[in-house]
Protein backbone atom coordinates (compact mmCIF):
# COMPACT_ATOMS: atom_id res chain seq x y z
CA UNK A 1 -4.29 24.29 -1.41
CA UNK A 2 -2.68 22.23 -4.19
CA UNK A 3 -0.18 19.42 -3.69
CA UNK A 4 3.25 20.99 -3.35
CA UNK A 5 5.32 19.90 -6.37
CA UNK A 6 8.54 20.82 -4.55
CA UNK A 7 8.11 17.57 -2.57
CA UNK A 8 9.45 15.61 -5.55
CA UNK A 9 12.74 14.11 -4.43
CA UNK A 10 11.85 14.30 -0.75
CA UNK A 11 12.69 11.27 1.39
CA UNK A 12 11.02 10.35 4.66
CA UNK A 13 13.36 8.17 6.75
CA UNK A 14 12.14 4.95 8.38
CA UNK A 15 10.12 5.33 11.54
CA UNK A 16 8.76 2.45 13.60
CA UNK A 17 9.78 -1.15 13.03
CA UNK A 18 6.91 -3.31 11.77
CA UNK A 19 7.14 -6.87 13.06
CA UNK A 20 5.43 -9.33 10.73
CA UNK A 21 3.23 -11.65 12.80
CA UNK A 22 1.58 -14.94 11.87
CA UNK A 23 -1.80 -13.48 12.84
CA UNK A 24 -1.46 -10.47 10.50
CA UNK A 25 -0.29 -12.67 7.62
CA UNK A 26 -3.15 -15.11 8.22
CA UNK A 27 -5.70 -12.26 8.33
CA UNK A 28 -4.33 -10.69 5.16
CA UNK A 29 -4.13 -14.02 3.29
CA UNK A 30 -7.72 -14.80 4.26
CA UNK A 31 -8.89 -11.36 3.19
CA UNK A 32 -7.27 -11.50 -0.25
CA UNK A 33 -8.54 -15.04 -0.76
CA UNK A 34 -12.00 -13.88 0.28
CA UNK A 35 -12.22 -16.48 3.07
CA UNK A 36 -15.38 -16.16 5.07
CA UNK A 37 -16.78 -13.29 3.02
CA UNK A 38 -17.09 -14.47 -0.57
CA UNK A 39 -18.71 -17.39 -2.29
CA UNK A 40 -17.41 -19.63 -4.99
CA UNK A 41 -19.83 -21.84 -6.91
CA UNK A 42 -22.50 -21.13 -4.33
CA UNK A 43 -20.47 -21.96 -1.22
CA UNK A 44 -18.30 -19.85 1.10
CA UNK A 45 -14.55 -19.92 0.76
CA UNK A 46 -12.81 -21.65 3.63
CA UNK A 47 -9.41 -21.25 5.23
CA UNK A 48 -8.47 -24.31 3.17
CA UNK A 49 -8.64 -22.01 0.12
CA UNK A 50 -5.66 -20.05 1.47
CA UNK A 51 -2.36 -21.68 0.42
CA UNK A 52 -0.72 -23.41 3.40
CA UNK A 53 2.51 -21.45 2.90
CA UNK A 54 0.56 -18.41 4.22
CA UNK A 55 -0.83 -20.15 7.32
CA UNK A 56 1.33 -23.13 8.26
CA UNK A 57 4.96 -22.77 9.36
CA UNK A 58 5.72 -26.43 8.64
CA UNK A 59 4.39 -26.13 5.08
CA UNK A 60 6.44 -22.96 4.55
CA UNK A 61 9.60 -24.60 5.94
CA UNK A 62 9.04 -27.63 3.70
CA UNK A 63 9.30 -25.18 0.78
CA UNK A 64 12.56 -23.74 2.10
CA UNK A 65 11.24 -20.64 3.89
CA UNK A 66 12.20 -19.64 7.43
CA UNK A 67 8.55 -19.30 8.48
CA UNK A 68 5.07 -18.53 7.14
CA UNK A 69 5.28 -16.46 3.94
CA UNK A 70 3.12 -13.37 3.47
CA UNK A 71 1.21 -13.05 0.20
CA UNK A 72 3.12 -10.82 -2.26
CA UNK A 73 0.63 -7.97 -1.86
CA UNK A 74 1.11 -7.92 1.95
CA UNK A 75 3.76 -5.26 1.33
CA UNK A 76 0.90 -2.81 0.73
CA UNK A 77 0.33 -2.79 4.49
CA UNK A 78 3.76 -1.26 5.02
CA UNK A 79 3.59 0.95 1.92
CA UNK A 80 0.30 2.55 2.92
CA UNK A 81 1.49 3.13 6.50
CA UNK A 82 4.52 4.84 5.04
CA UNK A 83 2.60 6.83 2.40
CA UNK A 84 0.47 8.20 5.23
CA UNK A 85 3.47 10.23 6.39
CA UNK A 86 3.42 12.23 3.14
CA UNK A 87 -0.37 12.45 3.02
CA UNK A 88 -0.53 13.76 6.60
CA UNK A 89 2.31 16.26 6.16
CA UNK A 90 0.53 19.63 6.26
CA UNK A 91 3.20 21.23 4.08
CA UNK A 92 2.47 18.73 1.27
CA UNK A 93 -0.96 20.26 0.67
CA UNK A 94 -2.86 16.98 0.29
CA UNK A 95 -6.60 16.98 1.02
CA UNK A 96 -6.94 13.34 2.10
CA UNK A 97 -10.69 13.37 1.44
CA UNK A 98 -9.86 13.74 -2.26
CA UNK A 99 -7.24 10.93 -2.49
CA UNK A 100 -7.86 7.91 -4.70
CA UNK A 101 -5.39 5.02 -4.85
CA UNK A 102 -4.68 4.77 -8.56
CA UNK A 103 -2.03 2.11 -9.02
CA UNK A 104 0.29 -0.19 -7.03
CA UNK A 105 3.27 -2.30 -8.03
CA UNK A 106 5.79 -4.40 -6.15
CA UNK A 107 9.32 -5.54 -6.87
CA UNK A 108 10.18 -8.27 -4.39
CA UNK A 109 13.79 -8.86 -3.50
CA UNK A 110 12.77 -11.77 -1.29
CA UNK A 111 9.53 -12.94 0.36
CA UNK A 112 8.19 -11.28 3.50
CA UNK A 113 8.08 -13.90 6.26
CA UNK A 114 6.73 -14.07 9.78
CA UNK A 115 9.28 -12.71 12.23
CA UNK A 116 10.65 -10.10 9.82
CA UNK A 117 11.27 -6.74 11.47
CA UNK A 118 10.81 -4.27 8.66
CA UNK A 119 11.38 -0.56 8.16
CA UNK A 120 10.19 1.55 5.26
CA UNK A 121 11.84 4.55 3.63
CA UNK A 122 9.43 6.73 1.66
CA UNK A 123 10.47 8.58 -1.50
CA UNK A 124 8.23 11.07 -3.30
CA UNK A 125 9.20 10.38 -6.91
CA UNK A 126 6.68 12.50 -8.75
CA UNK A 127 3.93 15.10 -8.50
CA UNK A 128 2.29 16.23 -11.71
CA UNK A 129 -1.00 17.86 -12.54
CA UNK A 130 -3.43 16.47 -15.11
CA UNK A 131 -6.88 18.02 -15.64
CA UNK A 132 -6.51 19.76 -12.30
CA UNK A 133 -5.80 16.50 -10.46
CA UNK A 134 -2.46 15.91 -8.75
CA UNK A 135 -0.87 12.58 -9.68
CA UNK A 136 1.58 11.60 -6.94
CA UNK A 137 4.07 8.74 -7.32
CA UNK A 138 5.64 7.37 -4.16
CA UNK A 139 8.22 4.63 -3.75
CA UNK A 140 8.61 2.74 -0.49
CA UNK A 141 11.83 0.83 0.03
CA UNK A 142 11.02 -1.91 2.53
CA UNK A 143 14.00 -3.52 4.26
CA UNK A 144 14.84 -5.44 7.39
CA UNK A 145 15.98 -3.28 10.27
CA UNK A 146 19.47 -4.60 9.42
CA UNK A 147 19.22 -3.09 5.93
CA UNK A 148 18.47 -6.17 3.78
CA UNK A 149 16.19 -5.10 0.87
CA UNK A 150 12.86 -6.94 0.92
CA UNK A 151 10.50 -5.09 -1.43
CA UNK A 152 10.11 -1.89 -3.43
CA UNK A 153 6.48 -0.78 -3.46
CA UNK A 154 5.44 1.96 -5.88
CA UNK A 155 2.11 3.75 -5.50
CA UNK A 156 0.32 6.20 -7.74
CA UNK A 157 -2.12 8.35 -5.81
CA UNK A 158 -4.58 10.73 -7.41
CA UNK A 159 -5.55 13.81 -5.45
CA UNK A 160 -8.74 14.85 -7.19
CA UNK A 161 -9.19 18.52 -8.02
CA UNK A 162 -11.72 20.40 -5.92
CA UNK A 163 -15.15 20.38 -7.50
CA UNK A 164 -16.19 23.66 -8.98
CA UNK A 165 -19.83 24.55 -9.52
CA UNK A 166 -21.02 24.24 -13.10
CA UNK A 167 -21.37 27.58 -14.84
CA UNK A 168 -24.90 28.87 -14.84
CA UNK A 169 -26.64 29.02 -18.19
CA UNK A 170 -29.54 31.08 -19.54
CA UNK A 171 -31.77 28.07 -18.89
CA UNK A 172 -30.77 28.17 -15.19
CA UNK A 173 -31.90 31.76 -14.96
CA UNK A 174 -28.46 33.30 -15.23
């Protein structure tokens, strides 16, 4: 089944509130900095390599933030949770085993901070076919549960075409 192009323009309303915790921000900041898993100049990265604004409330407050600030790409956590609603919708016709994350962009309206209670509205902005592959563009509007815009996350997902066997040739015994 191919991705249903009639989904363009469809909106999925917010579902569960996502509460941003210091632990999740710390884990994400460490992961994107490579702390504990990568090496730089022969030595492992340490938590000290993660900017204090992502781990220390006092450091974040000293910079004028209400609490620890999530790295800008933290919004992908919410965007991918939200995109999953489209991907799992049986009517959309997406074979998840064929999905490749092609592109991601963020427009921040303000930083994500610990204590934020966020909701995400998913918009399917585009579905087009190129070389048999479906190119799906989604837009996730991330806001506080009170409606304050926080981030717009746009994803381009490629749903690869099913593989077809190569045509048999005379050399193959056809």
